[in-house]
């Protein structure tokens, strides 16, 4: 994350020249898309970077430039959204639940501009709210964690202690208990402020504490803080589980899997819909059935996933999609019970 010390308007001009952005070839474009990232940096190898990947895909295919801004702190959300709207950017994606309050205000000021918000719901006609069933994807990686664990002790290190992160934890625990009712989950949260998303050192410290207690598989649901958690797992010879983006490549051989939260797909589809005229406001809820969450299997972790593990996790996935398994949503009750 950069600490900007130049005028904000200049920042936006620089942001529009991000390396992946493809310049227009000749004709004017019908849309001028933009992204206001969450705090923690665009290249967090997780949540923000997933959004960036979706924007990059759209830019490469459409030859349309995507403007973007990386806020240094939450106070810049409203200003960034408003500046983009003032200069004609449309649609504008606001990344993260923390942007909802600012977006509610700015979207009312610019009723003809299309906004999308990821991980929150803003009930306005010109806002597309995109939320995910993180509990479903977390259930699947919980099944894998329970099957891979030799000690029967599994760890979860979350970022900011909020109901959204507890949703990850609760789904993960339910998946663990589904596969091994005797397994134990040890949980830590990194903090109670937005700084919890960008503290790899603290994440590593918490993970090491869990390893000292017998944990041999840890799920990092903490944004860029997770980089420290997964590195600690690598250093101790334990298994790590990534989140949001596919993080298997970070530490081949110790990354059991990653819980995929397809913010890249949500971003791409939002821009694509705006470009072809099919963009609609309202709320989209993306779970396993909609392809919004999943687990990752690739060349980096395939040796860690046995045929039995794959069979069981895919069976659980099919049962969740069919409704045979109901994964509890922590945010529906603010409790984890199943």
C-alpha atoms as a PDB file:
ATOM      1  CA  UNK A   1       0.000   0.000   0.000  1.00  0.00           C
ATOM      2  CA  UNK A   2       1.372   3.364  -1.002  1.00  0.00           C
ATOM      3  CA  UNK A   3       1.384   6.474   1.177  1.00  0.00           C
ATOM      4  CA  UNK A   4       0.359   9.188  -1.263  1.00  0.00           C
ATOM      5  CA  UNK A   5       1.610  12.728  -0.687  1.00  0.00           C
ATOM      6  CA  UNK A   6       0.515  14.361  -3.933  1.00  0.00           C
ATOM      7  CA  UNK A   7      -2.761  16.084  -4.899  1.00  0.00           C
ATOM      8  CA  UNK A   8      -5.628  13.654  -5.223  1.00  0.00           C
ATOM      9  CA  UNK A   9      -6.501  14.702  -8.774  1.00  0.00           C
ATOM     10  CA  UNK A  10      -2.953  13.923  -9.798  1.00  0.00           C
ATOM     11  CA  UNK A  11      -3.266  10.515  -8.183  1.00  0.00           C
ATOM     12  CA  UNK A  12      -6.241   9.645 -10.300  1.00  0.00           C
ATOM     13  CA  UNK A  13      -4.431  10.716 -13.435  1.00  0.00           C
ATOM     14  CA  UNK A  14      -1.511   8.491 -12.532  1.00  0.00           C
ATOM     15  CA  UNK A  15      -3.810   5.647 -11.543  1.00  0.00           C
ATOM     16  CA  UNK A  16      -5.355   5.645 -14.993  1.00  0.00           C
ATOM     17  CA  UNK A  17      -1.966   4.653 -16.406  1.00  0.00           C
ATOM     18  CA  UNK A  18      -1.666   1.395 -14.495  1.00  0.00           C
ATOM     19  CA  UNK A  19       0.485  -1.100 -16.450  1.00  0.00           C
ATOM     20  CA  UNK A  20      -2.302  -3.529 -17.303  1.00  0.00           C
ATOM     21  CA  UNK A  21      -4.587  -0.905 -18.782  1.00  0.00           C
ATOM     22  CA  UNK A  22      -5.000  -1.171 -22.498  1.00  0.00           C
ATOM     23  CA  UNK A  23      -5.229   2.144 -24.381  1.00  0.00           C
ATOM     24  CA  UNK A  24      -8.146   2.707 -26.703  1.00  0.00           C
ATOM     25  CA  UNK A  25      -7.598   2.120 -30.368  1.00  0.00           C
ATOM     26  CA  UNK A  26      -9.309   4.954 -32.166  1.00  0.00           C
ATOM     27  CA  UNK A  27     -12.986   5.294 -31.309  1.00  0.00           C
ATOM     28  CA  UNK A  28     -14.441   6.741 -28.132  1.00  0.00           C
ATOM     29  CA  UNK A  29     -15.609   4.183 -25.581  1.00  0.00           C
ATOM     30  CA  UNK A  30     -19.181   3.912 -24.353  1.00  0.00           C
ATOM     31  CA  UNK A  31     -18.027   3.306 -20.784  1.00  0.00           C
ATOM     32  CA  UNK A  32     -15.215   4.596 -18.558  1.00  0.00           C
ATOM     33  CA  UNK A  33     -14.834   1.989 -15.818  1.00  0.00           C
ATOM     34  CA  UNK A  34     -12.991   2.588 -12.555  1.00  0.00           C
ATOM     35  CA  UNK A  35     -12.062   0.735  -9.372  1.00  0.00           C
ATOM     36  CA  UNK A  36     -11.593   2.093  -5.856  1.00  0.00           C
ATOM     37  CA  UNK A  37      -9.716  -0.623  -4.001  1.00  0.00           C
ATOM     38  CA  UNK A  38      -9.972  -1.527  -0.356  1.00  0.00           C
ATOM     39  CA  UNK A  39      -7.086  -0.675   1.945  1.00  0.00           C
ATOM     40  CA  UNK A  40      -4.214  -3.159   2.038  1.00  0.00           C
ATOM     41  CA  UNK A  41      -2.849  -2.520  -1.437  1.00  0.00           C
ATOM     42  CA  UNK A  42      -3.840  -3.704  -4.902  1.00  0.00           C
ATOM     43  CA  UNK A  43      -1.143  -6.364  -4.912  1.00  0.00           C
ATOM     44  CA  UNK A  44      -2.183  -8.056  -1.660  1.00  0.00           C
ATOM     45  CA  UNK A  45      -2.134 -11.480  -3.389  1.00  0.00           C
ATOM     46  CA  UNK A  46      -5.692 -11.923  -2.156  1.00  0.00           C
ATOM     47  CA  UNK A  47      -8.904  -9.855  -2.178  1.00  0.00           C
ATOM     48  CA  UNK A  48      -7.801  -6.642  -3.926  1.00  0.00           C
ATOM     49  CA  UNK A  49      -5.591  -8.494  -6.361  1.00  0.00           C
ATOM     50  CA  UNK A  50      -8.505 -10.699  -7.351  1.00  0.00           C
ATOM     51  CA  UNK A  51     -10.489  -7.595  -8.291  1.00  0.00           C
ATOM     52  CA  UNK A  52      -7.470  -6.283 -10.183  1.00  0.00           C
ATOM     53  CA  UNK A  53      -7.248  -9.535 -12.139  1.00  0.00           C
ATOM     54  CA  UNK A  54     -10.879  -9.220 -13.194  1.00  0.00           C
ATOM     55  CA  UNK A  55     -10.350  -5.614 -14.268  1.00  0.00           C
ATOM     56  CA  UNK A  56      -7.211  -6.619 -16.143  1.00  0.00           C
ATOM     57  CA  UNK A  57      -9.088  -9.319 -18.031  1.00  0.00           C
ATOM     58  CA  UNK A  58     -11.810  -6.882 -19.059  1.00  0.00           C
ATOM     59  CA  UNK A  59      -9.273  -4.255 -20.128  1.00  0.00           C
ATOM     60  CA  UNK A  60      -7.322  -6.738 -22.233  1.00  0.00           C
ATOM     61  CA  UNK A  61     -10.418  -8.070 -23.989  1.00  0.00           C
ATOM     62  CA  UNK A  62     -12.236  -4.788 -24.544  1.00  0.00           C
ATOM     63  CA  UNK A  63      -9.266  -2.439 -25.112  1.00  0.00           C
ATOM     64  CA  UNK A  64     -10.982  -0.120 -22.639  1.00  0.00           C
ATOM     65  CA  UNK A  65      -8.899   1.622 -19.994  1.00  0.00           C
ATOM     66  CA  UNK A  66      -9.849   0.923 -16.380  1.00  0.00           C
ATOM     67  CA  UNK A  67      -8.947   3.761 -14.007  1.00  0.00           C
ATOM     68  CA  UNK A  68      -8.088   2.761 -10.467  1.00  0.00           C
ATOM     69  CA  UNK A  69      -7.126   4.146  -7.090  1.00  0.00           C
ATOM     70  CA  UNK A  70      -5.485   2.578  -4.050  1.00  0.00           C
ATOM     71  CA  UNK A  71      -6.571   4.428  -0.886  1.00  0.00           C
ATOM     72  CA  UNK A  72      -4.083   4.787   1.927  1.00  0.00           C
ATOM     73  CA  UNK A  73      -6.897   4.745   4.489  1.00  0.00           C
ATOM     74  CA  UNK A  74     -10.675   4.615   4.742  1.00  0.00           C
ATOM     75  CA  UNK A  75     -11.066   8.399   4.806  1.00  0.00           C
ATOM     76  CA  UNK A  76     -10.201   8.463   1.094  1.00  0.00           C
ATOM     77  CA  UNK A  77     -13.082   6.217  -0.020  1.00  0.00           C
ATOM     78  CA  UNK A  78     -15.694   8.930  -0.384  1.00  0.00           C
ATOM     79  CA  UNK A  79     -13.338  11.374  -2.068  1.00  0.00           C
ATOM     80  CA  UNK A  80     -12.133   8.765  -4.555  1.00  0.00           C
ATOM     81  CA  UNK A  81     -15.652   7.664  -5.466  1.00  0.00           C
ATOM     82  CA  UNK A  82     -16.808  11.256  -5.920  1.00  0.00           C
ATOM     83  CA  UNK A  83     -13.787  12.321  -7.975  1.00  0.00           C
ATOM     84  CA  UNK A  84     -14.216   9.388 -10.317  1.00  0.00           C
ATOM     85  CA  UNK A  85     -17.922  10.194 -10.753  1.00  0.00           C
ATOM     86  CA  UNK A  86     -17.176  13.876 -11.339  1.00  0.00           C
ATOM     87  CA  UNK A  87     -14.749  13.109 -14.128  1.00  0.00           C
ATOM     88  CA  UNK A  88     -17.205  10.839 -15.906  1.00  0.00           C
ATOM     89  CA  UNK A  89     -16.049   7.386 -14.857  1.00  0.00           C
ATOM     90  CA  UNK A  90     -18.918   4.909 -15.163  1.00  0.00           C
ATOM     91  CA  UNK A  91     -19.306   2.206 -13.897  1.00  0.00           C
ATOM     92  CA  UNK A  92     -17.348   2.496 -10.638  1.00  0.00           C
ATOM     93  CA  UNK A  93     -16.567  -0.515  -8.448  1.00  0.00           C
ATOM     94  CA  UNK A  94     -16.074   0.063  -4.722  1.00  0.00           C
ATOM     95  CA  UNK A  95     -14.146  -2.836  -3.217  1.00  0.00           C
ATOM     96  CA  UNK A  96     -14.992  -3.960   0.297  1.00  0.00           C
ATOM     97  CA  UNK A  97     -17.713  -3.579   2.913  1.00  0.00           C
ATOM     98  CA  UNK A  98     -15.972  -0.531   4.390  1.00  0.00           C
ATOM     99  CA  UNK A  99     -16.941   1.530   1.349  1.00  0.00           C
ATOM    100  CA  UNK A 100     -20.689   1.104   1.797  1.00  0.00           C
ATOM    101  CA  UNK A 101     -21.290   4.224   3.887  1.00  0.00           C
ATOM    102  CA  UNK A 102     -19.378   6.449   1.495  1.00  0.00           C
ATOM    103  CA  UNK A 103     -21.013   4.848  -1.525  1.00  0.00           C
ATOM    104  CA  UNK A 104     -24.504   5.364  -0.142  1.00  0.00           C
ATOM    105  CA  UNK A 105     -23.792   9.090  -0.043  1.00  0.00           C
ATOM    106  CA  UNK A 106     -21.974   9.401  -3.373  1.00  0.00           C
ATOM    107  CA  UNK A 107     -24.403   7.221  -5.333  1.00  0.00           C
ATOM    108  CA  UNK A 108     -27.257   9.511  -4.276  1.00  0.00           C
ATOM    109  CA  UNK A 109     -25.291  12.515  -5.545  1.00  0.00           C
ATOM    110  CA  UNK A 110     -24.761  10.858  -8.949  1.00  0.00           C
ATOM    111  CA  UNK A 111     -27.991   8.945  -9.710  1.00  0.00           C
ATOM    112  CA  UNK A 112     -27.040   8.455 -13.372  1.00  0.00           C
ATOM    113  CA  UNK A 113     -23.706   6.817 -12.582  1.00  0.00           C
ATOM    114  CA  UNK A 114     -23.583   3.059 -12.126  1.00  0.00           C
ATOM    115  CA  UNK A 115     -21.807   1.806  -9.022  1.00  0.00           C
ATOM    116  CA  UNK A 116     -20.998  -1.695  -7.818  1.00  0.00           C
ATOM    117  CA  UNK A 117     -19.993  -2.552  -4.264  1.00  0.00           C
ATOM    118  CA  UNK A 118     -18.354  -5.847  -3.315  1.00  0.00           C
ATOM    119  CA  UNK A 119     -19.098  -7.429   0.073  1.00  0.00           C
ATOM    120  CA  UNK A 120     -21.905  -5.108   1.121  1.00  0.00           C
ATOM    121  CA  UNK A 121     -25.445  -4.139   0.180  1.00  0.00           C
ATOM    122  CA  UNK A 122     -26.401  -0.578  -0.750  1.00  0.00           C
ATOM    123  CA  UNK A 123     -30.080  -0.399  -1.615  1.00  0.00           C
ATOM    124  CA  UNK A 124     -30.149   2.215  -4.357  1.00  0.00           C
ATOM    125  CA  UNK A 125     -31.331   1.795  -7.965  1.00  0.00           C
ATOM    126  CA  UNK A 126     -27.946   2.759  -9.433  1.00  0.00           C
ATOM    127  CA  UNK A 127     -25.981   0.385  -7.201  1.00  0.00           C
ATOM    128  CA  UNK A 128     -25.162  -3.245  -7.888  1.00  0.00           C
ATOM    129  CA  UNK A 129     -24.385  -5.034  -4.620  1.00  0.00           C
ATOM    130  CA  UNK A 130     -22.302  -8.209  -4.910  1.00  0.00           C
ATOM    131  CA  UNK A 131     -22.015 -10.507  -1.898  1.00  0.00           C
ATOM    132  CA  UNK A 132     -20.736 -14.055  -1.534  1.00  0.00           C
ATOM    133  CA  UNK A 133     -21.561 -17.210   0.393  1.00  0.00           C
ATOM    134  CA  UNK A 134     -18.081 -17.445   1.882  1.00  0.00           C
ATOM    135  CA  UNK A 135     -19.333 -20.077   4.319  1.00  0.00           C
ATOM    136  CA  UNK A 136     -19.880 -22.533   1.466  1.00  0.00           C
ATOM    137  CA  UNK A 137     -16.357 -22.290   0.075  1.00  0.00           C
ATOM    138  CA  UNK A 138     -14.936 -22.349   3.605  1.00  0.00           C
ATOM    139  CA  UNK A 139     -16.884 -25.547   4.321  1.00  0.00           C
ATOM    140  CA  UNK A 140     -15.091 -27.256   1.442  1.00  0.00           C
ATOM    141  CA  UNK A 141     -11.598 -26.266   2.557  1.00  0.00           C
ATOM    142  CA  UNK A 142     -12.607 -27.312   6.075  1.00  0.00           C
ATOM    143  CA  UNK A 143     -13.309 -30.807   4.774  1.00  0.00           C
ATOM    144  CA  UNK A 144      -9.867 -30.904   3.171  1.00  0.00           C
ATOM    145  CA  UNK A 145      -8.182 -29.536   6.302  1.00  0.00           C
ATOM    146  CA  UNK A 146      -9.753 -32.217   8.483  1.00  0.00           C
ATOM    147  CA  UNK A 147      -8.740 -34.969   6.099  1.00  0.00           C
ATOM    148  CA  UNK A 148      -5.167 -33.684   5.757  1.00  0.00           C
ATOM    149  CA  UNK A 149      -4.531 -33.010   9.449  1.00  0.00           C
ATOM    150  CA  UNK A 150      -2.452 -35.565  11.320  1.00  0.00           C
ATOM    151  CA  UNK A 151      -2.851 -33.949  14.738  1.00  0.00           C
ATOM    152  CA  UNK A 152      -6.576 -33.288  14.623  1.00  0.00           C
ATOM    153  CA  UNK A 153      -5.828 -29.658  15.495  1.00  0.00           C
ATOM    154  CA  UNK A 154      -6.587 -27.091  12.837  1.00  0.00           C
ATOM    155  CA  UNK A 155      -6.078 -23.336  12.897  1.00  0.00           C
ATOM    156  CA  UNK A 156      -7.951 -20.299  11.598  1.00  0.00           C
ATOM    157  CA  UNK A 157      -6.386 -16.849  11.543  1.00  0.00           C
ATOM    158  CA  UNK A 158      -8.800 -14.122  10.488  1.00  0.00           C
ATOM    159  CA  UNK A 159      -8.157 -10.489   9.700  1.00  0.00           C
ATOM    160  CA  UNK A 160     -10.422  -7.853  11.217  1.00  0.00           C
ATOM    161  CA  UNK A 161     -12.804  -9.361  13.765  1.00  0.00           C
ATOM    162  CA  UNK A 162     -16.122  -8.659  12.069  1.00  0.00           C
ATOM    163  CA  UNK A 163     -19.166 -10.825  11.249  1.00  0.00           C
ATOM    164  CA  UNK A 164     -18.016 -11.259   7.645  1.00  0.00           C
ATOM    165  CA  UNK A 165     -14.789 -12.950   8.762  1.00  0.00           C
ATOM    166  CA  UNK A 166     -16.662 -14.998  11.340  1.00  0.00           C
ATOM    167  CA  UNK A 167     -18.725 -16.279   8.402  1.00  0.00           C
ATOM    168  CA  UNK A 168     -15.516 -17.765   6.934  1.00  0.00           C
ATOM    169  CA  UNK A 169     -14.600 -19.267  10.291  1.00  0.00           C
ATOM    170  CA  UNK A 170     -18.019 -20.775  10.932  1.00  0.00           C
ATOM    171  CA  UNK A 171     -18.260 -22.429   7.521  1.00  0.00           C
ATOM    172  CA  UNK A 172     -14.709 -23.729   7.919  1.00  0.00           C
ATOM    173  CA  UNK A 173     -15.495 -25.244  11.308  1.00  0.00           C
ATOM    174  CA  UNK A 174     -18.652 -26.849   9.987  1.00  0.00           C
ATOM    175  CA  UNK A 175     -16.663 -28.463   7.163  1.00  0.00           C
ATOM    176  CA  UNK A 176     -14.052 -29.710   9.626  1.00  0.00           C
ATOM    177  CA  UNK A 177     -16.658 -31.289  11.880  1.00  0.00           C
ATOM    178  CA  UNK A 178     -18.416 -32.825   8.873  1.00  0.00           C
ATOM    179  CA  UNK A 179     -15.224 -34.673   7.931  1.00  0.00           C
ATOM    180  CA  UNK A 180     -13.907 -35.319  11.451  1.00  0.00           C
ATOM    181  CA  UNK A 181     -16.217 -34.622  14.407  1.00  0.00           C
ATOM    182  CA  UNK A 182     -13.324 -35.085  16.830  1.00  0.00           C
ATOM    183  CA  UNK A 183     -11.082 -32.414  15.253  1.00  0.00           C
ATOM    184  CA  UNK A 184     -10.389 -29.190  17.172  1.00  0.00           C
ATOM    185  CA  UNK A 185     -10.390 -25.686  15.677  1.00  0.00           C
ATOM    186  CA  UNK A 186      -8.130 -23.041  17.216  1.00  0.00           C
ATOM    187  CA  UNK A 187      -9.052 -19.486  16.189  1.00  0.00           C
ATOM    188  CA  UNK A 188      -7.328 -16.109  16.337  1.00  0.00           C
ATOM    189  CA  UNK A 189      -8.267 -12.748  14.845  1.00  0.00           C
ATOM    190  CA  UNK A 190      -5.538 -10.294  13.893  1.00  0.00           C
ATOM    191  CA  UNK A 191      -7.270  -7.176  15.210  1.00  0.00           C
ATOM    192  CA  UNK A 192     -10.362  -5.015  15.408  1.00  0.00           C
ATOM    193  CA  UNK A 193      -9.394  -2.201  13.025  1.00  0.00           C
ATOM    194  CA  UNK A 194      -8.753  -2.118   9.247  1.00  0.00           C
ATOM    195  CA  UNK A 195      -5.005  -2.382   9.980  1.00  0.00           C
ATOM    196  CA  UNK A 196      -5.682  -6.078  10.654  1.00  0.00           C
ATOM    197  CA  UNK A 197      -5.826  -6.679   6.905  1.00  0.00           C
ATOM    198  CA  UNK A 198      -2.262  -5.539   6.325  1.00  0.00           C
ATOM    199  CA  UNK A 199      -0.087  -6.947   9.110  1.00  0.00           C
ATOM    200  CA  UNK A 200       1.851 -10.006   7.865  1.00  0.00           C
ATOM    201  CA  UNK A 201       4.149  -9.919  10.905  1.00  0.00           C
ATOM    202  CA  UNK A 202       1.263 -10.223  13.332  1.00  0.00           C
ATOM    203  CA  UNK A 203      -0.303 -12.924  11.176  1.00  0.00           C
ATOM    204  CA  UNK A 204       2.909 -14.956  11.291  1.00  0.00           C
ATOM    205  CA  UNK A 205       3.113 -14.530  15.064  1.00  0.00           C
ATOM    206  CA  UNK A 206      -0.441 -15.809  15.553  1.00  0.00           C
ATOM    207  CA  UNK A 207       0.138 -18.763  13.238  1.00  0.00           C
ATOM    208  CA  UNK A 208       3.331 -19.752  15.072  1.00  0.00           C
ATOM    209  CA  UNK A 209       1.439 -19.683  18.341  1.00  0.00           C
ATOM    210  CA  UNK A 210      -1.101 -22.073  16.886  1.00  0.00           C
ATOM    211  CA  UNK A 211       1.615 -24.393  15.587  1.00  0.00           C
ATOM    212  CA  UNK A 212       3.103 -24.476  19.077  1.00  0.00           C
ATOM    213  CA  UNK A 213      -0.265 -25.773  20.280  1.00  0.00           C
ATOM    214  CA  UNK A 214      -0.261 -28.654  17.801  1.00  0.00           C
ATOM    215  CA  UNK A 215      -1.983 -27.137  14.772  1.00  0.00           C
ATOM    216  CA  UNK A 216      -0.743 -28.614  11.491  1.00  0.00           C
ATOM    217  CA  UNK A 217      -3.139 -26.961   9.022  1.00  0.00           C
ATOM    218  CA  UNK A 218      -4.003 -23.240   9.118  1.00  0.00           C
ATOM    219  CA  UNK A 219      -6.577 -21.256   7.122  1.00  0.00           C
ATOM    220  CA  UNK A 220      -5.571 -17.642   6.509  1.00  0.00           C
ATOM    221  CA  UNK A 221      -8.621 -15.426   5.962  1.00  0.00           C
ATOM    222  CA  UNK A 222      -6.896 -12.107   6.515  1.00  0.00           C
ATOM    223  CA  UNK A 223      -6.107 -10.245   3.289  1.00  0.00           C
ATOM    224  CA  UNK A 224      -2.433  -9.369   2.924  1.00  0.00           C
ATOM    225  CA  UNK A 225      -1.891 -10.380   6.561  1.00  0.00           C
ATOM    226  CA  UNK A 226      -2.281 -13.893   5.222  1.00  0.00           C
ATOM    227  CA  UNK A 227       1.063 -13.609   3.452  1.00  0.00           C
ATOM    228  CA  UNK A 228       2.764 -13.840   6.847  1.00  0.00           C
ATOM    229  CA  UNK A 229       0.515 -16.677   7.996  1.00  0.00           C
ATOM    230  CA  UNK A 230       1.233 -18.787   4.926  1.00  0.00           C
ATOM    231  CA  UNK A 231       4.959 -18.041   5.105  1.00  0.00           C
ATOM    232  CA  UNK A 232       4.978 -19.182   8.737  1.00  0.00           C
ATOM    233  CA  UNK A 233       3.308 -22.433   7.689  1.00  0.00           C
ATOM    234  CA  UNK A 234       5.950 -22.931   5.041  1.00  0.00           C
ATOM    235  CA  UNK A 235       8.760 -22.246   7.517  1.00  0.00           C
ATOM    236  CA  UNK A 236       7.365 -24.724  10.053  1.00  0.00           C
ATOM    237  CA  UNK A 237       6.544 -27.414   7.490  1.00  0.00           C
ATOM    238  CA  UNK A 238       2.806 -27.063   8.145  1.00  0.00           C
ATOM    239  CA  UNK A 239      -0.024 -26.805   5.646  1.00  0.00           C
ATOM    240  CA  UNK A 240      -1.602 -23.481   4.729  1.00  0.00           C
ATOM    241  CA  UNK A 241      -4.937 -22.648   3.122  1.00  0.00           C
ATOM    242  CA  UNK A 242      -5.191 -19.455   1.091  1.00  0.00           C
ATOM    243  CA  UNK A 243      -8.210 -17.242   0.569  1.00  0.00           C
ATOM    244  CA  UNK A 244     -10.032 -15.192  -2.080  1.00  0.00           C
ATOM    245  CA  UNK A 245      -7.510 -15.536  -4.919  1.00  0.00           C
ATOM    246  CA  UNK A 246      -5.771 -18.830  -5.721  1.00  0.00           C
ATOM    247  CA  UNK A 247      -2.686 -18.595  -3.507  1.00  0.00           C
ATOM    248  CA  UNK A 248      -1.439 -22.140  -4.110  1.00  0.00           C
ATOM    249  CA  UNK A 249       1.537 -20.855  -6.096  1.00  0.00           C
ATOM    250  CA  UNK A 250       2.950 -18.946  -3.118  1.00  0.00           C
ATOM    251  CA  UNK A 251       4.374 -22.044  -1.416  1.00  0.00           C
ATOM    252  CA  UNK A 252       4.092 -25.175  -3.569  1.00  0.00           C
ATOM    253  CA  UNK A 253       4.175 -28.253  -1.401  1.00  0.00           C
ATOM    254  CA  UNK A 254       2.759 -26.639   1.753  1.00  0.00           C
ATOM    255  CA  UNK A 255      -0.336 -24.957   0.320  1.00  0.00           C
ATOM    256  CA  UNK A 256      -3.115 -27.484   0.823  1.00  0.00           C
ATOM    257  CA  UNK A 257      -5.576 -25.417  -1.215  1.00  0.00           C
ATOM    258  CA  UNK A 258      -7.180 -21.970  -1.442  1.00  0.00           C
ATOM    259  CA  UNK A 259     -10.773 -20.939  -0.864  1.00  0.00           C
ATOM    260  CA  UNK A 260     -11.684 -19.137  -4.053  1.00  0.00           C
ATOM    261  CA  UNK A 261     -13.895 -16.105  -3.719  1.00  0.00           C
ATOM    262  CA  UNK A 262     -14.419 -15.045  -7.300  1.00  0.00           C
ATOM    263  CA  UNK A 263     -14.191 -11.290  -6.946  1.00  0.00           C
ATOM    264  CA  UNK A 264     -12.288 -11.393 -10.229  1.00  0.00           C
ATOM    265  CA  UNK A 265     -15.316 -12.867 -11.968  1.00  0.00           C
ATOM    266  CA  UNK A 266     -17.681 -10.417 -10.270  1.00  0.00           C
ATOM    267  CA  UNK A 267     -15.554  -7.474 -11.403  1.00  0.00           C
ATOM    268  CA  UNK A 268     -15.236  -8.742 -14.955  1.00  0.00           C
ATOM    269  CA  UNK A 269     -18.961  -9.450 -15.260  1.00  0.00           C
ATOM    270  CA  UNK A 270     -19.925  -6.052 -13.872  1.00  0.00           C
ATOM    271  CA  UNK A 271     -17.766  -4.203 -16.404  1.00  0.00           C
ATOM    272  CA  UNK A 272     -18.832  -6.529 -19.212  1.00  0.00           C
ATOM    273  CA  UNK A 273     -22.519  -5.960 -18.441  1.00  0.00           C
ATOM    274  CA  UNK A 274     -22.033  -2.200 -18.405  1.00  0.00           C
ATOM    275  CA  UNK A 275     -20.253  -2.405 -21.743  1.00  0.00           C
ATOM    276  CA  UNK A 276     -22.964  -4.473 -23.448  1.00  0.00           C
ATOM    277  CA  UNK A 277     -25.878  -2.589 -21.872  1.00  0.00           C
ATOM    278  CA  UNK A 278     -27.148  -5.383 -19.614  1.00  0.00           C
ATOM    279  CA  UNK A 279     -25.963  -3.907 -16.284  1.00  0.00           C
ATOM    280  CA  UNK A 280     -28.619  -4.030 -13.558  1.00  0.00           C
ATOM    281  CA  UNK A 281     -28.793  -2.707 -10.034  1.00  0.00           C
ATOM    282  CA  UNK A 282     -29.856  -4.847  -7.106  1.00  0.00           C
ATOM    283  CA  UNK A 283     -28.183  -7.563  -5.054  1.00  0.00           C
ATOM    284  CA  UNK A 284     -26.309 -10.579  -6.367  1.00  0.00           C
ATOM    285  CA  UNK A 285     -25.550 -13.426  -3.960  1.00  0.00           C
ATOM    286  CA  UNK A 286     -22.846 -15.740  -5.292  1.00  0.00           C
ATOM    287  CA  UNK A 287     -22.281 -19.172  -3.791  1.00  0.00           C
ATOM    288  CA  UNK A 288     -21.159 -22.562  -5.057  1.00  0.00           C
ATOM    289  CA  UNK A 289     -24.167 -22.894  -7.342  1.00  0.00           C
ATOM    290  CA  UNK A 290     -23.405 -19.563  -9.027  1.00  0.00           C
ATOM    291  CA  UNK A 291     -19.660 -20.224  -9.294  1.00  0.00           C
ATOM    292  CA  UNK A 292     -18.915 -17.459  -6.793  1.00  0.00           C
ATOM    293  CA  UNK A 293     -16.864 -19.609  -4.396  1.00  0.00           C
ATOM    294  CA  UNK A 294     -14.930 -22.868  -4.712  1.00  0.00           C
ATOM    295  CA  UNK A 295     -11.696 -24.637  -3.760  1.00  0.00           C
ATOM    296  CA  UNK A 296      -8.493 -24.630  -5.800  1.00  0.00           C
ATOM    297  CA  UNK A 297      -6.754 -27.653  -7.302  1.00  0.00           C
ATOM    298  CA  UNK A 298      -3.772 -27.146  -9.596  1.00  0.00           C
ATOM    299  CA  UNK A 299      -0.202 -28.237 -10.247  1.00  0.00           C
ATOM    300  CA  UNK A 300       0.976 -26.591  -7.029  1.00  0.00           C
ATOM    301  CA  UNK A 301      -1.125 -28.668  -4.630  1.00  0.00           C
ATOM    302  CA  UNK A 302      -2.223 -31.740  -6.577  1.00  0.00           C
ATOM    303  CA  UNK A 303       0.251 -34.000  -4.752  1.00  0.00           C
ATOM    304  CA  UNK A 304      -1.331 -33.036  -1.419  1.00  0.00           C
ATOM    305  CA  UNK A 305      -4.890 -33.908  -2.465  1.00  0.00           C
ATOM    306  CA  UNK A 306      -5.500 -37.657  -2.418  1.00  0.00           C
ATOM    307  CA  UNK A 307      -8.186 -39.253  -4.596  1.00  0.00           C
ATOM    308  CA  UNK A 308     -10.271 -39.867  -1.457  1.00  0.00           C
ATOM    309  CA  UNK A 309      -9.992 -36.206  -0.405  1.00  0.00           C
ATOM    310  CA  UNK A 310     -11.057 -35.043  -3.856  1.00  0.00           C
ATOM    311  CA  UNK A 311     -13.980 -37.471  -3.930  1.00  0.00           C
ATOM    312  CA  UNK A 312     -15.247 -36.399  -0.512  1.00  0.00           C
ATOM    313  CA  UNK A 313     -14.915 -32.666  -1.070  1.00  0.00           C
ATOM    314  CA  UNK A 314     -16.611 -32.867  -4.466  1.00  0.00           C
ATOM    315  CA  UNK A 315     -19.419 -34.916  -2.929  1.00  0.00           C
ATOM    316  CA  UNK A 316     -19.854 -32.270  -0.239  1.00  0.00           C
ATOM    317  CA  UNK A 317     -19.862 -29.576  -2.914  1.00  0.00           C
ATOM    318  CA  UNK A 318     -22.632 -31.370  -4.837  1.00  0.00           C
ATOM    319  CA  UNK A 319     -24.661 -31.806  -1.637  1.00  0.00           C
ATOM    320  CA  UNK A 320     -24.379 -28.110  -0.784  1.00  0.00           C
ATOM    321  CA  UNK A 321     -25.480 -27.120  -4.271  1.00  0.00           C
ATOM    322  CA  UNK A 322     -28.441 -29.517  -4.127  1.00  0.00           C
ATOM    323  CA  UNK A 323     -29.432 -28.350  -0.657  1.00  0.00           C
ATOM    324  CA  UNK A 324     -28.737 -31.682   1.036  1.00  0.00           C
ATOM    325  CA  UNK A 325     -26.099 -29.943   3.173  1.00  0.00           C
ATOM    326  CA  UNK A 326     -27.110 -26.567   4.615  1.00  0.00           C
ATOM    327  CA  UNK A 327     -24.093 -24.483   5.576  1.00  0.00           C
ATOM    328  CA  UNK A 328     -24.894 -22.099   8.403  1.00  0.00           C
ATOM    329  CA  UNK A 329     -24.436 -18.393   7.667  1.00  0.00           C
ATOM    330  CA  UNK A 330     -22.925 -16.708  10.728  1.00  0.00           C
ATOM    331  CA  UNK A 331     -24.236 -13.325   9.584  1.00  0.00           C
ATOM    332  CA  UNK A 332     -27.830 -14.535   9.709  1.00  0.00           C
ATOM    333  CA  UNK A 333     -27.685 -14.996  13.489  1.00  0.00           C
ATOM    334  CA  UNK A 334     -24.282 -13.655  14.598  1.00  0.00           C
ATOM    335  CA  UNK A 335     -23.661 -17.056  16.101  1.00  0.00           C
ATOM    336  CA  UNK A 336     -21.924 -20.175  14.796  1.00  0.00           C
ATOM    337  CA  UNK A 337     -24.211 -23.135  15.289  1.00  0.00           C
ATOM    338  CA  UNK A 338     -24.772 -26.180  13.138  1.00  0.00           C
END
